[in-house]
Amino acid sequence: MFIDHAKINIKAGDGGDGAVAFHREKYVASGGPDGGDGGRGGDIVFQVDDNQSTLSDFRYRRKFAAENGQNGSGKRCSGRGGKDLVIRVPRGTLVKDAQTGRLIADLSADEPQIIAKGGRGGWGNSHFATATRQTPRFSKPGVPGEAFEVQLELKLLADVGLVGFPNVGKSTLVSVVSEAKPQIADYHFTTLTPVLGVVRMGPERSFVIADIPGLIEGANEGAGLGHQFLRHVERCRLLIHIVDVSGSEGRDPKEDFRVINSELKKFNPELAKRPMLVAGNKCDLTDDTKIQDFKAFVENQGFEFFPMMAAIRYQVDPLMKRIDELLQKLPPVLRYDPEPEPQRPVEEIGRHEVKVENNNGVYVVEGEWLIPVLRSVNFDDVDSLRYFERVLLHTGVDDALRKEGVHEGDTVSIYGVEFDYME
C-alpha cells in the first residue's frame, strides 16, 4: 500500500540528573564534593533512505523516543549520553509541526536532520562548591528533551512528471523508456501508486520520470484517485501532458487537454507556469487530419507537440531527446526551505518566575518557559538577537540577574546558551 502521509509523536531524550556525592578515601580528609554531571539526552534524527518509497512504516507505529541520558555518579563521573534515535524516511519527505503546519525540514538531501534535540544533563554538586559553601548537598536535574507531534508528507523527487487522463498511455511510456515495470491494462486507474523510472540518455546522463495516477475532472476536490497524488507533481521540473489524440474512449482530446490543465492550476497555480510538453499518443487509431488539427490547437497555446505510439516506441525518442535538452537548462528539483519557529510577541510572554544562581562566577538562569523561547531564536541573526534581548529585559530575567549581583562581562548561562552580560 502506498502511504504518503503520516502523523507521529517524537520525544528526544531527557538529560540525566547531576549526582550528589563526596570523595571518600583513606587518609584523605574532607575530600569534598565530587558528584558528576548527567549525560545529555539523545536527539531525534531523520535520515533519507533510498530503499524506502512510502511512509508505510509509520502506519501503525506512532511514537518514537530517543534514549535518556544517564545520571551522574561519584568521582566526578559523568553519565553516559543517550543514543540518538535515527528515523529513516523516503527521499522527498517533508517534516511539519502537526499543530502549526510549520515546515521543519525537507528530507531531500543525504545529510541527517536533527528534528528534536535532547535535553542537557544536570550539573553534579561538584560545580557548586565555593569558599563559603564547601559541602553542597544539591545538584541540578537534567533538562527535558524536546517533544512534539509531527506530520510527515512525502512528495516524490522526479525531474519529469507524466500527467493526463486514465488509460492514455502514461504507464506504457514509462515502461518503454526505463526499467520500471508499472502495471499496464486496458482499463481506467490501472496505476494506483506513483511509479518512478530512470531514463538513461548516455553514459553519464539520466533523469527520473514519474508516472502519476490518472487525473479526472474535479481531481483537485477529491474526485477519482488523482487528488491523492497531485502533490507529487509539485516538485517536477518538467511536465509531460499525454493525450489520447484518437479519442478512442469517446472523449474530445482538446477537452481532455483543457480539463487536466485546469485541475493542475486549481490545485497549485504554480503548476500552470511549469514548463510542459504535449505528447499525442495512440496516433495509429486516428487519421493524420485529426492529429494535425490537435497539433495546431496545442501549438497555438505555446506548447510543443510530439505525436507517438508508446506501445511500439514509435517517435518516442524525439520526445526523450527534447526532455533531456530542456532539463539541462531548467533549475534543479524544487526543495523547500525550513520555516523558522515563530517568535511570540514579548508582550504575550509576560513576566515569569525565573531562578538565578551564581556558580563560581557563572550566572545560571533557569525557567522552563525559556526553553521554547531559546528554540525560536537564531543567534546568527541580528533581529533575532534583539528579540532575545527584549525577552530578557521585559520578562524579569534581567531583574533577577541584577538582584543576584551580575556585572558587565560576567558569564550568563541559560540552558546551555552562554553569553557575556552587557549593561
Protein backbone atom coordinates (compact mmCIF):
# COMPACT_ATOMS: atom_id res chain seq x y z
CA MET A 1 0.00 0.00 0.00
CA PHE A 2 1.29 3.44 -0.95
CA ILE A 3 1.25 5.69 2.12
CA ASP A 4 2.43 9.26 1.52
CA HIS A 5 1.42 10.96 4.75
CA ALA A 6 1.61 10.06 8.44
CA LYS A 7 1.41 11.71 11.82
CA ILE A 8 3.76 10.62 14.61
CA ASN A 9 4.87 11.74 18.08
CA ILE A 10 8.58 12.22 18.70
CA LYS A 11 10.35 12.70 22.03
CA ALA A 12 14.04 13.45 22.41
CA GLY A 13 15.81 12.01 25.45
CA ASP A 14 15.84 13.82 28.78
CA GLY A 15 19.15 14.88 30.24
CA GLY A 16 20.39 12.82 33.16
CA ASP A 17 20.42 14.28 36.67
CA GLY A 18 23.60 15.51 38.27
CA ALA A 19 24.91 13.48 41.24
CA VAL A 20 25.33 14.46 44.88
CA ALA A 21 28.45 12.65 46.11
CA PHE A 22 31.53 13.27 48.27
CA HIS A 23 35.03 11.98 47.88
CA ARG A 24 35.74 9.15 50.34
CA GLU A 25 39.30 7.88 50.54
CA LYS A 26 41.51 6.62 53.30
CA TYR A 27 43.98 9.21 54.58
CA VAL A 28 42.22 11.93 52.59
CA ALA A 29 40.34 14.20 54.94
CA SER A 30 37.49 16.37 53.68
CA GLY A 31 37.64 15.04 50.15
CA GLY A 32 34.90 17.41 49.12
CA PRO A 33 32.04 17.12 46.64
CA ASP A 34 32.70 15.05 43.53
CA GLY A 35 29.26 14.43 42.01
CA GLY A 36 29.40 14.08 38.23
CA ASP A 37 27.13 15.62 35.62
CA GLY A 38 24.22 13.86 33.98
CA GLY A 39 24.52 12.74 30.36
CA ARG A 40 22.83 14.54 27.50
CA GLY A 41 19.62 13.04 26.13
CA GLY A 42 19.62 11.54 22.65
CA ASP A 43 18.36 13.51 19.65
CA ILE A 44 15.63 12.53 17.21
CA VAL A 45 17.37 12.42 13.82
CA PHE A 46 15.69 11.95 10.44
CA GLN A 47 17.75 10.32 7.68
CA VAL A 48 16.95 9.75 4.00
CA ASP A 49 16.80 6.08 2.99
CA ASP A 50 16.59 5.41 -0.76
CA ASN A 51 15.48 1.84 -0.05
CA GLN A 52 12.15 3.21 1.16
CA SER A 53 9.48 4.56 -1.18
CA THR A 54 6.48 5.05 1.12
CA LEU A 55 5.67 6.06 4.69
CA SER A 56 4.01 2.71 5.42
CA ASP A 57 6.42 2.07 8.34
CA PHE A 58 4.54 4.77 10.26
CA ARG A 59 1.08 3.38 9.68
CA TYR A 60 0.97 1.52 12.98
CA ARG A 61 3.95 2.79 14.93
CA ARG A 62 3.19 6.35 16.01
CA LYS A 63 5.51 7.03 18.99
CA PHE A 64 9.27 7.43 18.80
CA ALA A 65 11.51 8.27 21.76
CA ALA A 66 15.27 8.66 21.99
CA GLU A 67 17.26 7.33 24.95
CA ASN A 68 17.56 9.42 28.11
CA GLY A 69 20.96 10.45 29.40
CA GLN A 70 22.20 8.54 32.43
CA ASN A 71 22.56 10.17 35.81
CA GLY A 72 25.97 11.29 37.02
CA SER A 73 27.83 9.40 39.74
CA GLY A 74 30.63 9.86 42.25
CA LYS A 75 34.29 10.56 41.46
CA ARG A 76 33.05 13.24 39.06
CA CYS A 77 31.95 10.58 36.60
CA SER A 78 29.51 11.96 34.06
CA GLY A 79 26.55 9.88 33.00
CA ARG A 80 26.56 8.34 29.55
CA GLY A 81 24.78 10.34 26.88
CA GLY A 82 21.61 8.86 25.46
CA LYS A 83 21.78 7.31 21.99
CA ASP A 84 20.25 9.27 19.15
CA LEU A 85 17.19 7.73 17.54
CA VAL A 86 17.53 7.69 13.75
CA ILE A 87 14.22 7.61 11.86
CA ARG A 88 14.62 6.62 8.20
CA VAL A 89 12.24 8.09 5.63
CA PRO A 90 11.99 8.15 1.81
CA ARG A 91 13.77 10.91 -0.07
CA GLY A 92 11.43 13.86 -0.54
CA THR A 93 9.70 13.62 2.85
CA LEU A 94 8.59 16.88 4.45
CA VAL A 95 8.51 17.12 8.24
CA LYS A 96 5.97 19.61 9.57
CA ASP A 97 4.79 20.68 13.01
CA ALA A 98 1.39 18.99 13.29
CA GLN A 99 -0.12 21.82 15.33
CA THR A 100 1.01 24.85 13.33
CA GLY A 101 1.83 23.35 9.92
CA ARG A 102 5.31 24.92 10.06
CA LEU A 103 7.83 23.19 7.80
CA ILE A 104 10.67 21.90 9.97
CA ALA A 105 12.74 20.07 7.37
CA ASP A 106 12.75 18.87 3.77
CA LEU A 107 14.44 15.47 3.65
CA SER A 108 15.71 15.65 0.09
CA ALA A 109 19.47 15.62 0.68
CA ASP A 110 21.67 12.95 2.24
CA GLU A 111 22.57 14.97 5.33
CA PRO A 112 20.75 13.84 8.51
CA GLN A 113 18.46 16.40 10.14
CA ILE A 114 18.04 16.83 13.90
CA ILE A 115 14.32 17.44 14.44
CA ALA A 116 14.12 17.23 18.23
CA LYS A 117 17.12 17.96 20.46
CA GLY A 118 17.92 16.00 23.58
CA GLY A 119 17.97 17.74 26.95
CA ARG A 120 21.21 18.88 28.56
CA GLY A 121 22.44 16.89 31.53
CA GLY A 122 22.22 18.42 35.00
CA TRP A 123 25.29 19.55 36.92
CA GLY A 124 26.63 17.48 39.78
CA ASN A 125 27.29 19.03 43.18
CA SER A 126 31.00 19.44 42.38
CA HIS A 127 30.04 22.52 40.34
CA PHE A 128 28.51 24.27 43.31
CA ALA A 129 31.41 24.23 45.75
CA THR A 130 32.64 27.68 46.79
CA ALA A 131 34.85 29.05 49.54
CA THR A 132 31.79 29.60 51.72
CA ARG A 133 29.82 26.54 50.55
CA GLN A 134 32.23 23.65 50.72
CA THR A 135 29.75 20.79 51.07
CA PRO A 136 26.85 21.46 48.67
CA ARG A 137 24.24 18.75 49.11
CA PHE A 138 22.31 19.51 45.95
CA SER A 139 22.70 19.09 42.20
CA LYS A 140 20.71 20.01 39.12
CA PRO A 141 18.20 17.80 37.33
CA GLY A 142 18.55 17.20 33.61
CA VAL A 143 16.63 19.30 31.10
CA PRO A 144 13.71 17.55 29.36
CA GLY A 145 14.19 16.74 25.68
CA GLU A 146 12.04 18.37 23.04
CA ALA A 147 8.77 16.61 22.28
CA PHE A 148 6.04 17.33 19.76
CA GLU A 149 3.80 15.82 17.12
CA VAL A 150 4.98 15.99 13.51
CA GLN A 151 3.24 15.48 10.20
CA LEU A 152 5.19 13.56 7.56
CA GLU A 153 4.32 14.23 3.94
CA LEU A 154 6.02 12.54 1.01
CA LYS A 155 6.48 14.50 -2.23
CA LEU A 156 8.37 12.35 -4.68
CA LEU A 157 11.53 13.74 -6.26
CA ALA A 158 11.34 13.41 -10.04
CA ASP A 159 12.63 15.52 -12.90
CA VAL A 160 9.66 14.79 -15.16
CA GLY A 161 6.02 14.14 -14.26
CA LEU A 162 3.55 12.46 -16.62
CA VAL A 163 0.00 13.78 -16.33
CA GLY A 164 -3.18 13.02 -18.21
CA PHE A 165 -6.48 11.17 -18.09
CA PRO A 166 -6.56 7.48 -17.14
CA ASN A 167 -5.64 4.96 -19.85
CA VAL A 168 -3.89 7.43 -22.19
CA GLY A 169 -0.55 5.56 -22.10
CA LYS A 170 1.47 7.09 -19.26
CA SER A 171 2.47 3.73 -17.77
CA THR A 172 3.24 2.35 -21.21
CA LEU A 173 5.62 5.24 -21.92
CA VAL A 174 7.45 4.72 -18.61
CA SER A 175 7.81 1.00 -19.30
CA VAL A 176 9.43 1.51 -22.73
CA VAL A 177 11.89 4.27 -21.75
CA SER A 178 13.03 2.93 -18.38
CA GLU A 179 13.48 -0.27 -16.40
CA ALA A 180 10.34 0.43 -14.35
CA LYS A 181 7.56 -2.14 -14.65
CA PRO A 182 4.25 -0.42 -13.90
CA GLN A 183 1.04 -2.37 -14.21
CA ILE A 184 -0.47 -1.93 -17.67
CA ALA A 185 -4.00 -2.90 -18.69
CA ASP A 186 -6.83 -1.62 -20.89
CA TYR A 187 -8.96 -0.13 -18.13
CA HIS A 188 -9.01 3.02 -16.01
CA PHE A 189 -6.92 3.50 -12.87
CA THR A 190 -4.57 0.63 -13.58
CA THR A 191 -1.87 2.70 -11.85
CA LEU A 192 -2.79 3.08 -8.19
CA THR A 193 0.54 4.43 -6.95
CA PRO A 194 3.17 6.74 -8.49
CA VAL A 195 5.90 4.84 -10.33
CA LEU A 196 9.41 6.21 -10.80
CA GLY A 197 11.67 5.24 -13.68
CA VAL A 198 15.21 6.28 -14.61
CA VAL A 199 15.68 7.24 -18.27
CA ARG A 200 19.32 6.90 -19.35
CA MET A 201 20.37 9.21 -22.17
CA GLY A 202 24.08 8.42 -22.18
CA PRO A 203 26.99 7.16 -20.08
CA GLU A 204 26.67 9.98 -17.53
CA ARG A 205 23.25 11.49 -18.29
CA SER A 206 19.90 10.36 -16.98
CA PHE A 207 16.70 11.75 -15.50
CA VAL A 208 13.88 10.44 -13.30
CA ILE A 209 10.39 10.22 -14.77
CA ALA A 210 7.26 9.76 -12.63
CA ASP A 211 4.06 8.08 -13.74
CA ILE A 212 1.31 9.88 -11.80
CA PRO A 213 -2.05 8.05 -11.48
CA GLY A 214 -4.62 9.34 -13.96
CA LEU A 215 -6.47 12.57 -13.26
CA ILE A 216 -10.11 13.31 -13.99
CA GLU A 217 -12.21 16.45 -13.76
CA GLY A 218 -12.61 17.52 -10.13
CA ALA A 219 -9.39 15.78 -9.03
CA ASN A 220 -8.32 18.83 -7.01
CA GLU A 221 -11.55 18.47 -4.98
CA GLY A 222 -11.15 14.73 -4.40
CA ALA A 223 -12.65 13.11 -7.50
CA GLY A 224 -11.04 9.87 -8.70
CA LEU A 225 -7.60 8.87 -7.49
CA GLY A 226 -5.53 11.72 -8.86
CA HIS A 227 -6.20 14.11 -5.98
CA GLN A 228 -4.15 11.85 -3.72
CA PHE A 229 -1.10 12.25 -5.95
CA LEU A 230 -1.21 15.81 -7.26
CA ARG A 231 1.28 16.76 -4.54
CA HIS A 232 3.86 14.55 -6.22
CA VAL A 233 3.76 16.72 -9.36
CA GLU A 234 4.77 19.86 -7.43
CA ARG A 235 8.49 19.08 -7.37
CA CYS A 236 8.79 18.08 -11.03
CA ARG A 237 10.94 20.34 -13.19
CA LEU A 238 9.04 19.49 -16.37
CA LEU A 239 5.56 18.12 -17.09
CA ILE A 240 4.66 15.83 -19.98
CA HIS A 241 0.95 16.03 -20.76
CA ILE A 242 -0.10 12.81 -22.53
CA VAL A 243 -3.32 12.97 -24.53
CA ASP A 244 -5.17 10.24 -26.41
CA VAL A 245 -5.40 12.07 -29.75
CA SER A 246 -7.59 9.33 -31.22
CA GLY A 247 -10.41 9.93 -28.75
CA SER A 248 -10.69 6.14 -28.54
CA GLU A 249 -12.84 6.33 -25.43
CA GLY A 250 -15.28 8.82 -26.84
CA ARG A 251 -13.65 11.90 -25.30
CA ASP A 252 -12.52 15.02 -27.13
CA PRO A 253 -8.69 15.37 -26.96
CA LYS A 254 -8.97 19.16 -26.84
CA GLU A 255 -11.37 18.99 -23.91
CA ASP A 256 -9.10 16.47 -22.14
CA PHE A 257 -6.18 18.88 -22.52
CA ARG A 258 -8.21 21.78 -21.13
CA VAL A 259 -9.57 19.79 -18.16
CA ILE A 260 -6.20 18.46 -16.97
CA ASN A 261 -4.54 21.87 -17.22
CA SER A 262 -7.42 23.36 -15.26
CA GLU A 263 -7.07 20.74 -12.50
CA LEU A 264 -3.34 21.42 -12.19
CA LYS A 265 -3.96 25.16 -11.93
CA LYS A 266 -6.70 24.75 -9.32
CA PHE A 267 -4.50 22.53 -7.18
CA ASN A 268 -1.48 24.83 -7.37
CA PRO A 269 -1.34 27.92 -9.64
CA GLU A 270 2.43 27.47 -9.92
CA LEU A 271 1.89 24.23 -11.83
CA ALA A 272 0.23 26.17 -14.65
CA LYS A 273 3.54 28.02 -15.12
CA ARG A 274 5.65 24.85 -15.11
CA PRO A 275 7.34 24.00 -18.45
CA MET A 276 5.24 21.44 -20.32
CA LEU A 277 5.49 19.30 -23.43
CA VAL A 278 2.45 17.65 -25.00
CA ALA A 279 2.61 14.07 -26.26
CA GLY A 280 -0.19 12.83 -28.52
CA ASN A 281 -0.46 9.08 -28.01
CA LYS A 282 -2.35 6.35 -29.93
CA CYS A 283 -1.76 8.04 -33.28
CA ASP A 284 -2.33 4.69 -35.02
CA LEU A 285 -6.02 4.81 -34.04
CA THR A 286 -6.85 8.02 -35.90
CA ASP A 287 -6.10 9.81 -39.16
CA ASP A 288 -3.47 12.45 -39.87
CA THR A 289 -6.06 15.23 -40.23
CA LYS A 290 -7.14 14.95 -36.59
CA ILE A 291 -3.54 14.76 -35.44
CA GLN A 292 -2.61 17.93 -37.34
CA ASP A 293 -5.71 19.70 -36.03
CA PHE A 294 -4.79 18.86 -32.43
CA LYS A 295 -1.17 19.83 -33.08
CA ALA A 296 -2.26 23.27 -34.27
CA PHE A 297 -4.53 23.62 -31.22
CA VAL A 298 -1.64 22.85 -28.83
CA GLU A 299 0.97 24.94 -30.61
CA ASN A 300 -1.35 27.96 -30.68
CA GLN A 301 -1.21 27.85 -26.87
CA GLY A 302 2.58 27.89 -26.90
CA PHE A 303 3.30 24.19 -26.29
CA GLU A 304 5.49 21.80 -28.27
CA PHE A 305 3.68 18.74 -29.64
CA PHE A 306 5.10 15.24 -30.14
CA PRO A 307 2.94 12.57 -31.85
CA MET A 308 3.83 9.00 -30.88
CA MET A 309 2.73 5.41 -30.38
CA ALA A 310 4.15 4.48 -26.99
CA ALA A 311 3.24 0.79 -27.17
CA ILE A 312 5.66 0.21 -30.07
CA ARG A 313 8.02 3.06 -29.12
CA TYR A 314 7.25 4.90 -32.35
CA GLN A 315 8.56 8.52 -32.27
CA VAL A 316 9.29 8.22 -28.54
CA ASP A 317 12.99 9.04 -28.91
CA PRO A 318 12.45 12.61 -30.22
CA LEU A 319 10.35 13.33 -27.10
CA MET A 320 13.05 11.91 -24.80
CA LYS A 321 15.77 13.94 -26.51
CA ARG A 322 13.75 17.14 -26.16
CA ILE A 323 13.15 16.39 -22.47
CA ASP A 324 16.89 15.91 -21.96
CA GLU A 325 17.65 19.22 -23.72
CA LEU A 326 15.18 21.17 -21.59
CA LEU A 327 16.29 19.61 -18.30
CA GLN A 328 19.85 20.82 -18.88
CA LYS A 329 18.52 24.39 -18.90
CA LEU A 330 15.92 24.16 -16.14
CA PRO A 331 16.63 24.77 -12.42
CA PRO A 332 17.11 21.73 -10.15
CA VAL A 333 14.29 19.83 -8.48
CA LEU A 334 12.32 22.06 -6.11
CA ARG A 335 13.36 21.88 -2.47
CA TYR A 336 11.58 23.68 0.33
CA ASP A 337 13.31 25.92 2.84
CA PRO A 338 12.53 25.21 6.52
CA GLU A 339 10.38 27.82 8.22
CA PRO A 340 11.78 29.37 11.42
CA GLU A 341 9.85 28.80 14.60
CA PRO A 342 7.55 31.81 15.14
CA GLN A 343 8.59 34.20 17.88
CA ARG A 344 5.85 35.15 20.28
CA PRO A 345 5.47 38.88 20.91
CA VAL A 346 7.28 39.84 24.09
CA GLU A 347 4.06 41.33 25.46
CA GLU A 348 2.33 37.94 25.20
CA ILE A 349 5.11 36.15 27.07
CA GLY A 350 4.76 38.43 30.09
CA ARG A 351 6.76 38.17 33.28
CA HIS A 352 7.60 34.72 34.58
CA GLU A 353 9.26 33.22 37.60
CA VAL A 354 12.94 32.69 36.98
CA LYS A 355 15.73 31.26 39.12
CA VAL A 356 19.30 32.61 39.01
CA GLU A 357 22.31 31.12 40.79
CA ASN A 358 25.91 32.29 40.84
CA ASN A 359 28.02 29.17 40.33
CA ASN A 360 31.68 30.15 40.59
CA GLY A 361 31.15 33.29 38.57
CA VAL A 362 28.72 31.79 36.05
CA TYR A 363 25.16 33.04 36.47
CA VAL A 364 22.89 30.10 35.67
CA VAL A 365 19.33 31.06 34.70
CA GLU A 366 16.51 28.50 34.91
CA GLY A 367 12.86 28.62 33.94
CA GLU A 368 11.20 26.01 31.71
CA TRP A 369 9.27 28.74 29.88
CA LEU A 370 12.63 29.88 28.47
CA ILE A 371 13.21 26.62 26.55
CA PRO A 372 10.73 27.32 23.69
CA VAL A 373 11.96 30.92 23.58
CA LEU A 374 15.54 29.76 23.04
CA ARG A 375 14.38 27.33 20.35
CA SER A 376 12.86 30.19 18.35
CA VAL A 377 15.98 32.39 18.46
CA ASN A 378 18.52 32.40 15.65
CA PHE A 379 21.73 33.61 17.31
CA ASP A 380 23.28 34.34 13.91
CA ASP A 381 20.59 36.89 13.07
CA VAL A 382 20.77 40.45 14.46
CA ASP A 383 16.99 40.97 14.62
CA SER A 384 16.50 37.65 16.39
CA LEU A 385 19.20 38.57 18.92
CA ARG A 386 17.46 41.87 19.62
CA TYR A 387 14.22 39.96 20.22
CA PHE A 388 16.06 37.75 22.73
CA GLU A 389 17.40 40.83 24.50
CA ARG A 390 13.87 42.25 24.78
CA VAL A 391 12.66 38.95 26.24
CA LEU A 392 15.35 39.05 28.93
CA LEU A 393 14.57 42.68 29.71
CA HIS A 394 10.77 42.53 29.88
CA THR A 395 10.14 39.07 31.37
CA GLY A 396 12.08 39.53 34.61
CA VAL A 397 15.30 37.72 33.68
CA ASP A 398 17.39 40.90 33.68
CA ASP A 399 15.95 41.98 37.05
CA ALA A 400 16.73 38.56 38.55
CA LEU A 401 20.31 38.71 37.26
CA ARG A 402 20.85 42.17 38.71
CA LYS A 403 19.40 41.06 42.04
CA GLU A 404 21.89 38.19 42.15
CA GLY A 405 24.72 40.70 41.58
CA VAL A 406 25.67 40.26 37.95
CA HIS A 407 28.14 42.77 36.47
CA GLU A 408 29.10 43.66 32.94
CA GLY A 409 31.32 40.99 31.41
CA ASP A 410 30.08 38.18 33.69
CA THR A 411 29.07 34.91 32.02
CA VAL A 412 25.36 34.06 31.89
CA SER A 413 24.22 30.51 31.06
CA ILE A 414 20.63 29.70 30.01
CA TYR A 415 20.12 26.01 29.24
CA GLY A 416 23.46 25.63 27.51
CA VAL A 417 23.45 29.05 25.82
CA GLU A 418 26.27 31.15 27.28
CA PHE A 419 26.95 34.85 26.70
CA ASP A 420 28.63 37.80 28.37
CA TYR A 421 26.30 40.11 30.28
CA MET A 422 26.13 43.68 28.95
CA GLU A 423 24.78 46.63 30.89
